[in-house]
Amino acid sequence: MKPSKGKFAGTVRVGEKGQIVIPKGIRELFDIRPGDTLLVLADEKRGIAITKDDVLLRQFEAILGPEGEK
Protein backbone atom coordinates (compact mmCIF):
# COMPACT_ATOMS: atom_id res chain seq x y z
CA MET A 1 0.00 0.00 0.00
CA LYS A 2 1.48 3.34 -1.07
CA PRO A 3 0.99 6.24 1.37
CA SER A 4 -1.04 9.28 0.35
CA LYS A 5 0.84 12.32 -0.96
CA GLY A 6 2.19 14.36 1.91
CA LYS A 7 2.12 11.39 4.29
CA PHE A 8 4.80 8.92 5.40
CA ALA A 9 4.86 5.95 7.73
CA GLY A 10 7.91 3.95 8.70
CA THR A 11 9.92 2.61 11.57
CA VAL A 12 13.28 3.60 13.03
CA ARG A 13 15.65 1.76 15.31
CA VAL A 14 17.16 3.44 18.36
CA GLY A 15 20.94 3.07 18.46
CA GLU A 16 23.17 2.50 21.51
CA LYS A 17 23.47 6.24 22.13
CA GLY A 18 19.70 6.84 21.84
CA GLN A 19 20.00 8.18 18.30
CA ILE A 20 17.56 7.58 15.47
CA VAL A 21 17.90 8.10 11.73
CA ILE A 22 15.07 10.06 10.15
CA PRO A 23 13.99 8.15 7.03
CA LYS A 24 14.82 9.74 3.68
CA GLY A 25 11.14 10.06 2.75
CA ILE A 26 10.45 12.17 5.83
CA ARG A 27 13.59 14.28 5.34
CA GLU A 28 12.49 15.02 1.78
CA LEU A 29 8.86 15.66 2.76
CA PHE A 30 9.88 18.26 5.36
CA ASP A 31 13.06 19.50 3.65
CA ILE A 32 15.23 18.46 6.60
CA ARG A 33 18.90 18.94 5.82
CA PRO A 34 22.16 18.35 7.71
CA GLY A 35 22.66 21.09 10.28
CA ASP A 36 18.94 21.85 10.67
CA THR A 37 17.66 22.22 14.21
CA LEU A 38 14.63 20.13 15.18
CA LEU A 39 12.31 20.63 18.12
CA VAL A 40 11.38 17.48 20.06
CA LEU A 41 8.26 17.55 22.22
CA ALA A 42 7.20 14.71 24.49
CA ASP A 43 4.13 13.96 26.54
CA GLU A 44 3.90 10.75 28.53
CA LYS A 45 0.29 10.16 27.45
CA ARG A 46 0.33 11.59 23.90
CA GLY A 47 3.76 10.51 22.68
CA ILE A 48 6.64 12.22 20.89
CA ALA A 49 6.50 14.90 18.20
CA ILE A 50 9.44 16.16 16.14
CA THR A 51 9.27 19.31 14.01
CA LYS A 52 11.60 21.82 12.45
CA ASP A 53 12.26 24.70 14.81
CA ASP A 54 11.04 27.25 12.26
CA VAL A 55 7.51 25.88 12.73
CA LEU A 56 7.55 27.10 16.32
CA LEU A 57 9.01 30.45 15.27
CA ARG A 58 6.16 30.96 12.77
CA GLN A 59 3.63 30.18 15.51
CA PHE A 60 5.24 32.71 17.86
CA GLU A 61 5.20 35.34 15.10
CA ALA A 62 1.52 34.62 14.41
CA ILE A 63 0.76 35.27 18.08
CA LEU A 64 3.20 38.08 18.87
CA GLY A 65 3.91 39.59 15.45
CA PRO A 66 7.19 39.50 13.50
CA GLU A 67 10.46 40.11 15.36
CA GLY A 68 11.17 43.80 15.80
CA GLU A 69 7.51 44.87 15.48
CA LYS A 70 6.25 47.08 18.32
C-alpha atoms as a PDB file:
ATOM      1  CA  MET A   1       0.000   0.000   0.000  1.00  0.00           C
ATOM      2  CA  LYS A   2       1.479   3.340  -1.067  1.00  0.00           C
ATOM      3  CA  PRO A   3       0.990   6.239   1.375  1.00  0.00           C
ATOM      4  CA  SER A   4      -1.039   9.279   0.346  1.00  0.00           C
ATOM      5  CA  LYS A   5       0.837  12.317  -0.964  1.00  0.00           C
ATOM      6  CA  GLY A   6       2.194  14.361   1.913  1.00  0.00           C
ATOM      7  CA  LYS A   7       2.125  11.387   4.293  1.00  0.00           C
ATOM      8  CA  PHE A   8       4.797   8.923   5.403  1.00  0.00           C
ATOM      9  CA  ALA A   9       4.857   5.946   7.729  1.00  0.00           C
ATOM     10  CA  GLY A  10       7.905   3.954   8.696  1.00  0.00           C
ATOM     11  CA  THR A  11       9.924   2.610  11.570  1.00  0.00           C
ATOM     12  CA  VAL A  12      13.277   3.603  13.026  1.00  0.00           C
ATOM     13  CA  ARG A  13      15.648   1.755  15.307  1.00  0.00           C
ATOM     14  CA  VAL A  14      17.158   3.439  18.359  1.00  0.00           C
ATOM     15  CA  GLY A  15      20.945   3.068  18.465  1.00  0.00           C
ATOM     16  CA  GLU A  16      23.166   2.501  21.507  1.00  0.00           C
ATOM     17  CA  LYS A  17      23.469   6.242  22.126  1.00  0.00           C
ATOM     18  CA  GLY A  18      19.698   6.835  21.840  1.00  0.00           C
ATOM     19  CA  GLN A  19      20.001   8.180  18.301  1.00  0.00           C
ATOM     20  CA  ILE A  20      17.561   7.576  15.473  1.00  0.00           C
ATOM     21  CA  VAL A  21      17.903   8.102  11.731  1.00  0.00           C
ATOM     22  CA  ILE A  22      15.066  10.061  10.150  1.00  0.00           C
ATOM     23  CA  PRO A  23      13.985   8.154   7.026  1.00  0.00           C
ATOM     24  CA  LYS A  24      14.821   9.745   3.683  1.00  0.00           C
ATOM     25  CA  GLY A  25      11.143  10.063   2.746  1.00  0.00           C
ATOM     26  CA  ILE A  26      10.450  12.172   5.833  1.00  0.00           C
ATOM     27  CA  ARG A  27      13.586  14.283   5.342  1.00  0.00           C
ATOM     28  CA  GLU A  28      12.492  15.016   1.784  1.00  0.00           C
ATOM     29  CA  LEU A  29       8.858  15.661   2.758  1.00  0.00           C
ATOM     30  CA  PHE A  30       9.884  18.260   5.363  1.00  0.00           C
ATOM     31  CA  ASP A  31      13.058  19.496   3.645  1.00  0.00           C
ATOM     32  CA  ILE A  32      15.228  18.458   6.603  1.00  0.00           C
ATOM     33  CA  ARG A  33      18.902  18.938   5.819  1.00  0.00           C
ATOM     34  CA  PRO A  34      22.163  18.345   7.709  1.00  0.00           C
ATOM     35  CA  GLY A  35      22.659  21.089  10.277  1.00  0.00           C
ATOM     36  CA  ASP A  36      18.944  21.848  10.671  1.00  0.00           C
ATOM     37  CA  THR A  37      17.656  22.222  14.212  1.00  0.00           C
ATOM     38  CA  LEU A  38      14.634  20.132  15.176  1.00  0.00           C
ATOM     39  CA  LEU A  39      12.312  20.625  18.117  1.00  0.00           C
ATOM     40  CA  VAL A  40      11.383  17.479  20.060  1.00  0.00           C
ATOM     41  CA  LEU A  41       8.257  17.550  22.218  1.00  0.00           C
ATOM     42  CA  ALA A  42       7.200  14.712  24.493  1.00  0.00           C
ATOM     43  CA  ASP A  43       4.128  13.959  26.544  1.00  0.00           C
ATOM     44  CA  GLU A  44       3.897  10.753  28.534  1.00  0.00           C
ATOM     45  CA  LYS A  45       0.290  10.155  27.452  1.00  0.00           C
ATOM     46  CA  ARG A  46       0.328  11.587  23.898  1.00  0.00           C
ATOM     47  CA  GLY A  47       3.765  10.510  22.679  1.00  0.00           C
ATOM     48  CA  ILE A  48       6.645  12.222  20.886  1.00  0.00           C
ATOM     49  CA  ALA A  49       6.504  14.903  18.198  1.00  0.00           C
ATOM     50  CA  ILE A  50       9.441  16.161  16.145  1.00  0.00           C
ATOM     51  CA  THR A  51       9.267  19.306  14.012  1.00  0.00           C
ATOM     52  CA  LYS A  52      11.597  21.819  12.449  1.00  0.00           C
ATOM     53  CA  ASP A  53      12.262  24.696  14.812  1.00  0.00           C
ATOM     54  CA  ASP A  54      11.037  27.250  12.262  1.00  0.00           C
ATOM     55  CA  VAL A  55       7.514  25.880  12.729  1.00  0.00           C
ATOM     56  CA  LEU A  56       7.552  27.096  16.319  1.00  0.00           C
ATOM     57  CA  LEU A  57       9.005  30.455  15.271  1.00  0.00           C
ATOM     58  CA  ARG A  58       6.162  30.962  12.769  1.00  0.00           C
ATOM     59  CA  GLN A  59       3.634  30.177  15.515  1.00  0.00           C
ATOM     60  CA  PHE A  60       5.240  32.715  17.858  1.00  0.00           C
ATOM     61  CA  GLU A  61       5.196  35.339  15.098  1.00  0.00           C
ATOM     62  CA  ALA A  62       1.522  34.617  14.414  1.00  0.00           C
ATOM     63  CA  ILE A  63       0.758  35.269  18.078  1.00  0.00           C
ATOM     64  CA  LEU A  64       3.203  38.076  18.873  1.00  0.00           C
ATOM     65  CA  GLY A  65       3.910  39.593  15.450  1.00  0.00           C
ATOM     66  CA  PRO A  66       7.194  39.496  13.497  1.00  0.00           C
ATOM     67  CA  GLU A  67      10.463  40.113  15.356  1.00  0.00           C
ATOM     68  CA  GLY A  68      11.172  43.802  15.799  1.00  0.00           C
ATOM     69  CA  GLU A  69       7.514  44.868  15.477  1.00  0.00           C
ATOM     70  CA  LYS A  70       6.250  47.083  18.315  1.00  0.00           C
END
